[in-house]
N, C-alpha and C. Protein backbone atom coordinates (compact mmCIF):
# COMPACT_ATOMS: atom_id res chain seq x y z
N MET A 1 2.89 3.50 -13.06
CA MET A 1 2.20 3.31 -11.79
C MET A 1 0.75 3.76 -11.97
N ALA A 2 -0.20 2.98 -11.50
CA ALA A 2 -1.62 3.32 -11.60
C ALA A 2 -1.93 4.54 -10.75
N SER A 3 -2.97 5.29 -11.15
CA SER A 3 -3.26 6.55 -10.45
C SER A 3 -3.65 6.33 -8.99
N GLY A 4 -4.36 5.24 -8.67
CA GLY A 4 -4.70 4.96 -7.27
C GLY A 4 -3.47 4.68 -6.44
N ASP A 5 -2.53 3.93 -7.03
CA ASP A 5 -1.24 3.68 -6.39
C ASP A 5 -0.52 4.98 -6.11
N LEU A 6 -0.46 5.81 -7.13
CA LEU A 6 0.28 7.06 -7.05
C LEU A 6 -0.33 7.99 -6.02
N THR A 7 -1.64 8.09 -6.00
CA THR A 7 -2.31 8.95 -5.01
C THR A 7 -2.00 8.48 -3.60
N LEU A 8 -2.13 7.18 -3.35
CA LEU A 8 -1.83 6.66 -2.02
C LEU A 8 -0.36 6.91 -1.66
N SER A 9 0.54 6.72 -2.60
CA SER A 9 1.96 6.95 -2.32
C SER A 9 2.23 8.41 -1.99
N ILE A 10 1.65 9.31 -2.75
CA ILE A 10 1.85 10.75 -2.49
C ILE A 10 1.31 11.10 -1.11
N LEU A 11 0.07 10.73 -0.85
CA LEU A 11 -0.54 11.04 0.46
C LEU A 11 0.23 10.37 1.58
N GLY A 12 0.62 9.11 1.38
CA GLY A 12 1.32 8.37 2.43
C GLY A 12 2.67 8.96 2.77
N PHE A 13 3.46 9.29 1.76
CA PHE A 13 4.77 9.87 2.05
C PHE A 13 4.63 11.26 2.65
N LEU A 14 3.69 12.07 2.15
CA LEU A 14 3.49 13.39 2.74
C LEU A 14 2.90 13.29 4.14
N GLY A 15 2.22 12.19 4.43
CA GLY A 15 1.72 11.93 5.79
C GLY A 15 2.86 11.75 6.78
N GLN A 16 4.04 11.40 6.27
CA GLN A 16 5.22 11.25 7.12
C GLN A 16 5.92 12.59 7.33
N GLY A 17 5.58 13.59 6.53
CA GLY A 17 6.17 14.92 6.69
C GLY A 17 6.30 15.63 5.36
N PRO A 18 6.44 16.96 5.40
CA PRO A 18 6.58 17.75 4.17
C PRO A 18 7.83 17.36 3.40
N MET A 19 7.78 17.48 2.08
CA MET A 19 8.96 17.23 1.25
C MET A 19 8.77 17.89 -0.11
N HIS A 20 9.87 18.07 -0.81
CA HIS A 20 9.78 18.64 -2.16
C HIS A 20 9.54 17.51 -3.16
N GLY A 21 9.10 17.90 -4.36
CA GLY A 21 8.71 16.92 -5.37
C GLY A 21 9.80 15.94 -5.73
N TYR A 22 11.04 16.42 -5.80
CA TYR A 22 12.15 15.53 -6.16
C TYR A 22 12.32 14.43 -5.10
N GLU A 23 12.24 14.82 -3.83
CA GLU A 23 12.37 13.84 -2.74
C GLU A 23 11.20 12.86 -2.76
N LEU A 24 9.99 13.38 -3.00
CA LEU A 24 8.81 12.53 -3.08
C LEU A 24 8.97 11.51 -4.21
N LYS A 25 9.41 11.97 -5.38
CA LYS A 25 9.61 11.06 -6.51
C LYS A 25 10.65 10.00 -6.17
N ALA A 26 11.75 10.40 -5.51
CA ALA A 26 12.79 9.44 -5.14
C ALA A 26 12.24 8.37 -4.20
N ARG A 27 11.41 8.77 -3.25
CA ARG A 27 10.84 7.78 -2.31
C ARG A 27 9.88 6.84 -3.02
N ILE A 28 9.07 7.38 -3.93
CA ILE A 28 8.13 6.54 -4.67
C ILE A 28 8.91 5.55 -5.55
N LEU A 29 9.95 6.02 -6.20
CA LEU A 29 10.77 5.13 -7.03
C LEU A 29 11.45 4.06 -6.19
N ALA A 30 11.93 4.43 -5.01
CA ALA A 30 12.56 3.44 -4.13
C ALA A 30 11.56 2.39 -3.68
N LEU A 31 10.31 2.80 -3.48
CA LEU A 31 9.28 1.86 -3.01
C LEU A 31 8.90 0.87 -4.11
N SER A 32 8.60 1.34 -5.31
CA SER A 32 8.10 0.42 -6.33
C SER A 32 8.55 0.76 -7.74
N GLY A 33 9.52 1.61 -7.88
CA GLY A 33 9.95 2.03 -9.20
C GLY A 33 10.44 0.92 -10.09
N HIS A 34 11.06 -0.10 -9.50
CA HIS A 34 11.54 -1.21 -10.33
C HIS A 34 10.38 -2.03 -10.89
N LEU A 35 9.22 -1.97 -10.22
CA LEU A 35 8.05 -2.71 -10.70
C LEU A 35 7.13 -1.83 -11.52
N ARG A 36 6.89 -0.63 -11.03
CA ARG A 36 5.97 0.30 -11.68
C ARG A 36 6.57 1.70 -11.62
N PRO A 37 7.44 2.01 -12.56
CA PRO A 37 8.11 3.31 -12.51
C PRO A 37 7.12 4.47 -12.63
N VAL A 38 7.49 5.57 -12.02
CA VAL A 38 6.66 6.77 -12.09
C VAL A 38 7.45 7.85 -12.83
N SER A 39 6.81 8.46 -13.79
CA SER A 39 7.46 9.51 -14.57
C SER A 39 7.02 10.86 -14.05
N ASP A 40 7.79 11.90 -14.41
CA ASP A 40 7.39 13.26 -14.08
C ASP A 40 6.03 13.57 -14.69
N GLY A 41 5.78 13.00 -15.88
CA GLY A 41 4.50 13.22 -16.57
C GLY A 41 3.31 12.62 -15.85
N ALA A 42 3.55 11.71 -14.93
CA ALA A 42 2.47 11.15 -14.11
C ALA A 42 2.45 11.80 -12.73
N LEU A 43 3.63 11.99 -12.13
CA LEU A 43 3.72 12.49 -10.76
C LEU A 43 3.22 13.92 -10.61
N TYR A 44 3.74 14.82 -11.42
CA TYR A 44 3.40 16.24 -11.20
C TYR A 44 1.94 16.57 -11.52
N PRO A 45 1.32 15.98 -12.55
CA PRO A 45 -0.13 16.17 -12.72
C PRO A 45 -0.93 15.57 -11.54
N ALA A 46 -0.46 14.44 -10.99
CA ALA A 46 -1.16 13.85 -9.84
C ALA A 46 -1.07 14.79 -8.63
N ILE A 47 0.10 15.39 -8.41
CA ILE A 47 0.25 16.36 -7.32
C ILE A 47 -0.68 17.54 -7.56
N ALA A 48 -0.73 18.03 -8.80
CA ALA A 48 -1.60 19.17 -9.14
C ALA A 48 -3.06 18.83 -8.86
N ARG A 49 -3.50 17.61 -9.21
CA ARG A 49 -4.89 17.20 -8.92
C ARG A 49 -5.16 17.18 -7.42
N LEU A 50 -4.19 16.69 -6.65
CA LEU A 50 -4.36 16.64 -5.20
C LEU A 50 -4.37 18.06 -4.60
N GLU A 51 -3.58 18.95 -5.18
CA GLU A 51 -3.62 20.36 -4.74
C GLU A 51 -4.99 20.96 -5.03
N LYS A 52 -5.47 20.75 -6.26
CA LYS A 52 -6.78 21.30 -6.67
C LYS A 52 -7.89 20.76 -5.77
N ALA A 53 -7.76 19.52 -5.33
CA ALA A 53 -8.76 18.90 -4.46
C ALA A 53 -8.60 19.35 -3.00
N GLY A 54 -7.55 20.12 -2.71
CA GLY A 54 -7.34 20.60 -1.34
C GLY A 54 -6.69 19.58 -0.42
N LEU A 55 -6.07 18.56 -0.99
CA LEU A 55 -5.46 17.51 -0.18
C LEU A 55 -3.98 17.76 0.08
N VAL A 56 -3.36 18.56 -0.79
CA VAL A 56 -1.93 18.88 -0.71
C VAL A 56 -1.76 20.38 -0.91
N GLU A 57 -0.82 20.95 -0.17
CA GLU A 57 -0.47 22.37 -0.35
C GLU A 57 0.99 22.45 -0.77
N ARG A 58 1.30 23.54 -1.50
CA ARG A 58 2.66 23.76 -1.96
C ARG A 58 3.09 25.15 -1.47
N HIS A 59 4.31 25.25 -0.96
CA HIS A 59 4.87 26.55 -0.60
C HIS A 59 6.36 26.56 -0.91
N GLU A 60 6.91 27.75 -1.03
CA GLU A 60 8.34 27.87 -1.35
C GLU A 60 9.17 28.01 -0.10
N GLU A 61 10.36 27.42 -0.16
CA GLU A 61 11.34 27.55 0.91
C GLU A 61 12.68 27.85 0.28
N GLU A 62 13.58 28.40 1.08
CA GLU A 62 14.94 28.63 0.61
C GLU A 62 15.58 27.29 0.27
N GLY A 63 16.30 27.27 -0.84
CA GLY A 63 17.02 26.06 -1.24
C GLY A 63 18.44 26.09 -0.71
N ALA A 64 19.19 25.08 -1.02
CA ALA A 64 20.58 24.99 -0.57
C ALA A 64 21.44 26.08 -1.21
N GLY A 65 21.13 26.43 -2.45
CA GLY A 65 21.84 27.51 -3.15
C GLY A 65 20.93 28.72 -3.26
N ALA A 66 21.01 29.39 -4.37
CA ALA A 66 20.18 30.57 -4.58
C ALA A 66 18.75 30.20 -4.96
N ALA A 67 18.57 29.00 -5.52
CA ALA A 67 17.24 28.59 -5.99
C ALA A 67 16.31 28.25 -4.82
N ARG A 68 15.09 28.71 -4.93
CA ARG A 68 14.06 28.34 -3.95
C ARG A 68 13.46 27.01 -4.39
N ARG A 69 12.91 26.29 -3.46
CA ARG A 69 12.31 25.01 -3.84
C ARG A 69 10.88 24.93 -3.33
N GLN A 70 10.09 24.16 -4.07
CA GLN A 70 8.69 23.94 -3.75
C GLN A 70 8.58 22.79 -2.76
N VAL A 71 7.92 23.03 -1.64
CA VAL A 71 7.74 22.00 -0.63
C VAL A 71 6.25 21.64 -0.58
N LEU A 72 5.97 20.35 -0.56
CA LEU A 72 4.60 19.84 -0.51
C LEU A 72 4.26 19.43 0.91
N THR A 73 3.03 19.76 1.32
CA THR A 73 2.55 19.43 2.66
C THR A 73 1.16 18.84 2.54
N LEU A 74 0.86 17.87 3.35
CA LEU A 74 -0.46 17.29 3.41
C LEU A 74 -1.38 18.21 4.21
N THR A 75 -2.56 18.50 3.69
CA THR A 75 -3.54 19.30 4.43
C THR A 75 -4.31 18.40 5.39
N GLU A 76 -5.14 18.99 6.22
CA GLU A 76 -5.97 18.19 7.12
C GLU A 76 -6.91 17.30 6.30
N ALA A 77 -7.46 17.85 5.22
CA ALA A 77 -8.33 17.05 4.33
C ALA A 77 -7.52 15.92 3.69
N GLY A 78 -6.26 16.21 3.35
CA GLY A 78 -5.39 15.17 2.79
C GLY A 78 -5.12 14.07 3.78
N ARG A 79 -4.90 14.43 5.04
CA ARG A 79 -4.68 13.42 6.09
C ARG A 79 -5.94 12.57 6.27
N GLU A 80 -7.10 13.21 6.25
CA GLU A 80 -8.36 12.46 6.37
C GLU A 80 -8.54 11.49 5.21
N GLU A 81 -8.19 11.94 3.98
CA GLU A 81 -8.30 11.08 2.81
C GLU A 81 -7.32 9.91 2.91
N LEU A 82 -6.10 10.19 3.35
CA LEU A 82 -5.11 9.12 3.55
C LEU A 82 -5.65 8.09 4.53
N LEU A 83 -6.16 8.53 5.67
CA LEU A 83 -6.67 7.60 6.68
C LEU A 83 -7.87 6.82 6.16
N ARG A 84 -8.73 7.47 5.37
CA ARG A 84 -9.87 6.77 4.77
C ARG A 84 -9.38 5.68 3.83
N ARG A 85 -8.39 5.99 3.00
CA ARG A 85 -7.85 5.00 2.06
C ARG A 85 -7.19 3.84 2.79
N LEU A 86 -6.58 4.12 3.92
CA LEU A 86 -5.94 3.06 4.71
C LEU A 86 -6.99 2.21 5.43
N ARG A 87 -8.04 2.85 5.95
CA ARG A 87 -9.11 2.14 6.66
C ARG A 87 -9.97 1.31 5.71
N GLU A 88 -10.24 1.89 4.52
CA GLU A 88 -11.17 1.28 3.56
C GLU A 88 -10.51 1.14 2.19
N PRO A 89 -9.47 0.33 2.08
CA PRO A 89 -8.78 0.22 0.79
C PRO A 89 -9.68 -0.37 -0.28
N ALA A 90 -9.45 0.08 -1.51
CA ALA A 90 -10.18 -0.47 -2.65
C ALA A 90 -9.84 -1.95 -2.79
N GLU A 91 -10.71 -2.68 -3.46
CA GLU A 91 -10.50 -4.12 -3.64
C GLU A 91 -9.17 -4.40 -4.34
N LEU A 92 -8.81 -3.57 -5.31
CA LEU A 92 -7.54 -3.76 -6.02
C LEU A 92 -6.35 -3.56 -5.09
N ASP A 93 -6.48 -2.69 -4.09
CA ASP A 93 -5.40 -2.49 -3.11
C ASP A 93 -5.20 -3.73 -2.25
N ILE A 94 -6.22 -4.56 -2.16
CA ILE A 94 -6.13 -5.81 -1.39
C ILE A 94 -5.66 -6.95 -2.28
N SER A 95 -6.16 -7.03 -3.52
CA SER A 95 -5.88 -8.20 -4.36
C SER A 95 -4.57 -8.11 -5.14
N ASP A 96 -4.12 -6.91 -5.48
CA ASP A 96 -2.88 -6.75 -6.23
C ASP A 96 -1.71 -6.68 -5.24
N GLN A 97 -0.74 -7.59 -5.38
CA GLN A 97 0.34 -7.67 -4.39
C GLN A 97 1.15 -6.38 -4.31
N THR A 98 1.49 -5.77 -5.41
CA THR A 98 2.28 -4.55 -5.38
C THR A 98 1.50 -3.42 -4.72
N ARG A 99 0.22 -3.30 -5.05
CA ARG A 99 -0.61 -2.26 -4.42
C ARG A 99 -0.78 -2.54 -2.93
N PHE A 100 -0.92 -3.82 -2.57
CA PHE A 100 -1.05 -4.15 -1.16
C PHE A 100 0.22 -3.80 -0.39
N PHE A 101 1.37 -4.06 -0.99
CA PHE A 101 2.63 -3.68 -0.33
C PHE A 101 2.71 -2.16 -0.16
N GLY A 102 2.22 -1.42 -1.14
CA GLY A 102 2.14 0.04 -1.01
C GLY A 102 1.26 0.43 0.17
N LEU A 103 0.14 -0.25 0.31
CA LEU A 103 -0.76 -0.01 1.44
C LEU A 103 -0.07 -0.32 2.76
N LEU A 104 0.64 -1.44 2.81
CA LEU A 104 1.37 -1.81 4.03
C LEU A 104 2.42 -0.76 4.41
N THR A 105 3.02 -0.13 3.41
CA THR A 105 4.04 0.88 3.66
C THR A 105 3.51 1.98 4.57
N PHE A 106 2.24 2.32 4.45
CA PHE A 106 1.68 3.45 5.16
C PHE A 106 0.68 3.06 6.25
N LEU A 107 0.41 1.77 6.41
CA LEU A 107 -0.63 1.32 7.34
C LEU A 107 -0.36 1.73 8.79
N SER A 108 0.90 1.91 9.15
CA SER A 108 1.21 2.32 10.53
C SER A 108 0.74 3.74 10.82
N GLN A 109 0.44 4.53 9.77
CA GLN A 109 -0.08 5.88 10.00
C GLN A 109 -1.54 5.84 10.47
N LEU A 110 -2.17 4.70 10.33
CA LEU A 110 -3.52 4.48 10.83
C LEU A 110 -3.38 3.98 12.27
N SER A 111 -3.70 4.83 13.23
CA SER A 111 -3.43 4.49 14.63
C SER A 111 -4.41 3.48 15.22
N ASP A 112 -5.53 3.23 14.57
CA ASP A 112 -6.54 2.30 15.06
C ASP A 112 -6.11 0.86 14.73
N VAL A 113 -5.65 0.12 15.76
CA VAL A 113 -5.15 -1.23 15.52
C VAL A 113 -6.25 -2.18 15.05
N GLU A 114 -7.48 -1.94 15.46
CA GLU A 114 -8.58 -2.78 14.98
C GLU A 114 -8.79 -2.57 13.49
N ALA A 115 -8.68 -1.35 13.02
CA ALA A 115 -8.81 -1.06 11.59
C ALA A 115 -7.63 -1.67 10.83
N GLN A 116 -6.42 -1.60 11.39
CA GLN A 116 -5.27 -2.24 10.76
C GLN A 116 -5.51 -3.74 10.61
N ALA A 117 -6.01 -4.36 11.67
CA ALA A 117 -6.27 -5.81 11.63
C ALA A 117 -7.34 -6.15 10.59
N ARG A 118 -8.36 -5.31 10.45
CA ARG A 118 -9.41 -5.56 9.44
C ARG A 118 -8.81 -5.57 8.03
N VAL A 119 -7.90 -4.64 7.76
CA VAL A 119 -7.25 -4.59 6.44
C VAL A 119 -6.45 -5.87 6.21
N LEU A 120 -5.69 -6.29 7.20
CA LEU A 120 -4.89 -7.51 7.05
C LEU A 120 -5.78 -8.75 6.89
N ARG A 121 -6.91 -8.78 7.60
CA ARG A 121 -7.84 -9.91 7.46
C ARG A 121 -8.42 -9.97 6.06
N ARG A 122 -8.70 -8.80 5.46
CA ARG A 122 -9.21 -8.78 4.08
C ARG A 122 -8.19 -9.41 3.13
N ARG A 123 -6.92 -9.06 3.30
CA ARG A 123 -5.88 -9.64 2.44
C ARG A 123 -5.78 -11.14 2.68
N LEU A 124 -5.83 -11.55 3.93
CA LEU A 124 -5.76 -12.98 4.26
C LEU A 124 -6.94 -13.73 3.64
N ASP A 125 -8.14 -13.18 3.74
CA ASP A 125 -9.32 -13.80 3.12
C ASP A 125 -9.12 -13.94 1.62
N PHE A 126 -8.58 -12.89 1.00
CA PHE A 126 -8.33 -12.95 -0.44
C PHE A 126 -7.35 -14.07 -0.77
N LEU A 127 -6.27 -14.16 -0.01
CA LEU A 127 -5.24 -15.18 -0.29
C LEU A 127 -5.73 -16.60 -0.02
N GLU A 128 -6.69 -16.76 0.86
CA GLU A 128 -7.18 -18.10 1.20
C GLU A 128 -8.25 -18.59 0.22
N THR A 129 -8.67 -17.74 -0.69
CA THR A 129 -9.63 -18.15 -1.72
C THR A 129 -8.86 -18.89 -2.81
N PRO A 130 -9.25 -20.14 -3.11
CA PRO A 130 -8.50 -20.91 -4.12
C PRO A 130 -8.42 -20.16 -5.45
N ALA A 131 -7.22 -20.07 -5.98
CA ALA A 131 -7.01 -19.40 -7.27
C ALA A 131 -5.74 -19.97 -7.89
N SER A 132 -5.55 -19.66 -9.16
CA SER A 132 -4.38 -20.13 -9.88
C SER A 132 -4.15 -19.22 -11.07
N PHE A 133 -2.97 -19.33 -11.66
CA PHE A 133 -2.72 -18.66 -12.93
C PHE A 133 -3.35 -19.45 -14.07
N PHE A 134 -3.53 -20.74 -13.83
CA PHE A 134 -3.98 -21.66 -14.87
C PHE A 134 -5.17 -22.47 -14.35
N TYR A 135 -6.12 -22.73 -15.25
CA TYR A 135 -7.33 -23.46 -14.88
C TYR A 135 -7.55 -24.59 -15.87
N ARG A 136 -8.12 -25.68 -15.36
CA ARG A 136 -8.52 -26.80 -16.20
C ARG A 136 -9.94 -27.15 -15.80
N ASP A 137 -10.82 -27.15 -16.79
CA ASP A 137 -12.24 -27.44 -16.56
C ASP A 137 -12.82 -26.54 -15.47
N GLY A 138 -12.41 -25.28 -15.45
CA GLY A 138 -12.94 -24.31 -14.50
C GLY A 138 -12.36 -24.39 -13.10
N GLU A 139 -11.44 -25.33 -12.88
CA GLU A 139 -10.84 -25.49 -11.56
C GLU A 139 -9.40 -24.99 -11.57
N PRO A 140 -8.96 -24.37 -10.45
CA PRO A 140 -7.57 -23.92 -10.39
C PRO A 140 -6.62 -25.11 -10.55
N GLN A 141 -5.59 -24.94 -11.37
CA GLN A 141 -4.62 -26.01 -11.57
C GLN A 141 -3.54 -25.92 -10.49
N ARG A 142 -3.22 -27.07 -9.90
CA ARG A 142 -2.18 -27.15 -8.87
C ARG A 142 -0.83 -27.41 -9.54
N ALA A 143 0.23 -27.04 -8.85
CA ALA A 143 1.58 -27.23 -9.39
C ALA A 143 1.83 -28.70 -9.72
N GLU A 144 1.36 -29.59 -8.87
CA GLU A 144 1.59 -31.02 -9.05
C GLU A 144 0.93 -31.55 -10.32
N ASP A 145 -0.09 -30.84 -10.81
CA ASP A 145 -0.82 -31.29 -11.99
C ASP A 145 -0.37 -30.59 -13.27
N ALA A 146 0.55 -29.65 -13.16
CA ALA A 146 1.00 -28.89 -14.33
C ALA A 146 2.05 -29.69 -15.11
N SER A 147 1.79 -29.94 -16.39
CA SER A 147 2.77 -30.66 -17.20
C SER A 147 3.85 -29.73 -17.74
N ASP A 148 3.52 -28.47 -17.92
CA ASP A 148 4.50 -27.48 -18.39
C ASP A 148 5.42 -27.11 -17.22
N PRO A 149 6.73 -27.31 -17.36
CA PRO A 149 7.64 -27.05 -16.23
C PRO A 149 7.67 -25.58 -15.81
N PHE A 150 7.41 -24.67 -16.72
CA PHE A 150 7.42 -23.25 -16.38
C PHE A 150 6.14 -22.86 -15.65
N HIS A 151 5.03 -23.45 -16.05
CA HIS A 151 3.77 -23.25 -15.32
C HIS A 151 3.92 -23.80 -13.90
N ARG A 152 4.52 -25.00 -13.82
CA ARG A 152 4.74 -25.63 -12.51
C ARG A 152 5.61 -24.70 -11.63
N GLY A 153 6.65 -24.14 -12.23
CA GLY A 153 7.52 -23.22 -11.48
C GLY A 153 6.77 -22.00 -10.98
N MET A 154 5.96 -21.42 -11.85
CA MET A 154 5.15 -20.26 -11.42
C MET A 154 4.25 -20.62 -10.25
N LEU A 155 3.60 -21.78 -10.36
CA LEU A 155 2.67 -22.20 -9.33
C LEU A 155 3.38 -22.51 -8.01
N LEU A 156 4.54 -23.13 -8.08
CA LEU A 156 5.30 -23.44 -6.86
C LEU A 156 5.80 -22.16 -6.18
N ILE A 157 6.29 -21.23 -6.97
CA ILE A 157 6.77 -19.96 -6.40
C ILE A 157 5.61 -19.19 -5.78
N ALA A 158 4.49 -19.14 -6.50
CA ALA A 158 3.32 -18.43 -5.97
C ALA A 158 2.82 -19.07 -4.68
N ARG A 159 2.84 -20.40 -4.61
CA ARG A 159 2.41 -21.09 -3.40
C ARG A 159 3.32 -20.76 -2.22
N ALA A 160 4.63 -20.82 -2.45
CA ALA A 160 5.59 -20.54 -1.38
C ALA A 160 5.46 -19.09 -0.90
N THR A 161 5.33 -18.17 -1.82
CA THR A 161 5.17 -16.76 -1.47
C THR A 161 3.85 -16.55 -0.72
N GLY A 162 2.79 -17.16 -1.23
CA GLY A 162 1.48 -17.04 -0.59
C GLY A 162 1.47 -17.63 0.80
N ASP A 163 2.11 -18.79 0.96
CA ASP A 163 2.17 -19.42 2.29
C ASP A 163 2.92 -18.52 3.28
N ALA A 164 4.04 -17.95 2.84
CA ALA A 164 4.81 -17.06 3.72
C ALA A 164 3.99 -15.82 4.08
N GLU A 165 3.30 -15.25 3.09
CA GLU A 165 2.49 -14.06 3.37
C GLU A 165 1.33 -14.39 4.31
N LYS A 166 0.66 -15.51 4.10
CA LYS A 166 -0.46 -15.89 4.98
C LYS A 166 0.03 -16.12 6.41
N ARG A 167 1.19 -16.74 6.55
CA ARG A 167 1.76 -16.96 7.88
C ARG A 167 2.00 -15.61 8.57
N TRP A 168 2.63 -14.68 7.85
CA TRP A 168 2.89 -13.35 8.43
C TRP A 168 1.59 -12.63 8.76
N LEU A 169 0.61 -12.70 7.87
CA LEU A 169 -0.67 -12.03 8.11
C LEU A 169 -1.35 -12.57 9.37
N ARG A 170 -1.35 -13.89 9.54
CA ARG A 170 -1.97 -14.48 10.74
C ARG A 170 -1.26 -13.99 12.01
N GLU A 171 0.08 -13.96 11.97
CA GLU A 171 0.85 -13.50 13.13
C GLU A 171 0.58 -12.02 13.41
N ALA A 172 0.56 -11.21 12.36
CA ALA A 172 0.33 -9.77 12.52
C ALA A 172 -1.07 -9.49 13.05
N VAL A 173 -2.07 -10.20 12.54
CA VAL A 173 -3.45 -10.01 13.02
C VAL A 173 -3.53 -10.41 14.49
N ALA A 174 -2.93 -11.52 14.85
CA ALA A 174 -2.96 -11.96 16.26
C ALA A 174 -2.29 -10.93 17.16
N GLU A 175 -1.17 -10.37 16.72
CA GLU A 175 -0.48 -9.35 17.50
C GLU A 175 -1.33 -8.09 17.64
N LEU A 176 -1.96 -7.67 16.56
CA LEU A 176 -2.83 -6.48 16.62
C LEU A 176 -4.04 -6.72 17.51
N GLU A 177 -4.62 -7.91 17.42
CA GLU A 177 -5.77 -8.23 18.27
C GLU A 177 -5.37 -8.25 19.74
N ALA A 178 -4.20 -8.80 20.05
CA ALA A 178 -3.72 -8.82 21.43
C ALA A 178 -3.50 -7.40 21.93
N ARG A 179 -2.93 -6.54 21.09
CA ARG A 179 -2.70 -5.15 21.47
C ARG A 179 -4.03 -4.43 21.68
N SER A 180 -5.01 -4.70 20.81
CA SER A 180 -6.31 -4.08 20.93
C SER A 180 -7.00 -4.53 22.23
N ASN A 181 -6.91 -5.83 22.53
CA ASN A 181 -7.50 -6.34 23.77
C ASN A 181 -6.81 -5.74 24.99
N SER A 182 -5.51 -5.60 24.92
CA SER A 182 -4.75 -4.99 26.01
C SER A 182 -5.16 -3.54 26.21
N ASP A 183 -5.34 -2.82 25.09
CA ASP A 183 -5.78 -1.41 25.16
C ASP A 183 -7.17 -1.31 25.79
N HIS A 184 -8.07 -2.25 25.39
CA HIS A 184 -9.42 -2.23 25.95
C HIS A 184 -9.40 -2.53 27.46
N CYS A 185 -8.56 -3.49 27.86
CA CYS A 185 -8.47 -3.83 29.29
C CYS A 185 -7.94 -2.66 30.11
N SER A 186 -6.91 -1.97 29.61
CA SER A 186 -6.34 -0.85 30.38
C SER A 186 -7.28 0.35 30.37
N THR A 187 -8.12 0.49 29.32
CA THR A 187 -9.09 1.58 29.27
C THR A 187 -10.23 1.33 30.26
N ASN A 188 -10.62 0.06 30.39
CA ASN A 188 -11.74 -0.29 31.27
C ASN A 188 -11.33 -0.45 32.72
N ALA A 189 -10.03 -0.47 33.00
CA ALA A 189 -9.57 -0.69 34.37
C ALA A 189 -9.69 0.57 35.22
């Protein structure tokens, strides 16, 4: 898992509440472990960096048995960093599907519906830009033009997935905009 992914996942899950490292690792693995597994050698140094930066705190609590366990908590600075990352995601968080899904996992922690809609619009803009896995003469190759059946399959699957995601993004943006307009109307009334 890339360090930006891991940082967002740590901050995002701790934004939902305190937890110990084992629970945090289990949640991260459940989210994207099959695609981008996270090892102890990546997770615990990342937690240590976030602690050193003042974004995460660690304290001991009684365990189920005699052993005490380390519990991680998001600091106020950590919450601010999480909200900043959600409001202003890096370009890779928008363009990479797995990273974008990670961002979506925590986007509800950003209470500003207009900011949520801006993030979704960025993803929609990215998806609406013509692109392909394969190019001919500098132009994106369409599935209908691919002679290789496996290339054609990749392109057809990507198109279907992209169409479904764009449809959902348009619906979600419209819903957020309606909610934002409703909030503005009730505030001004």
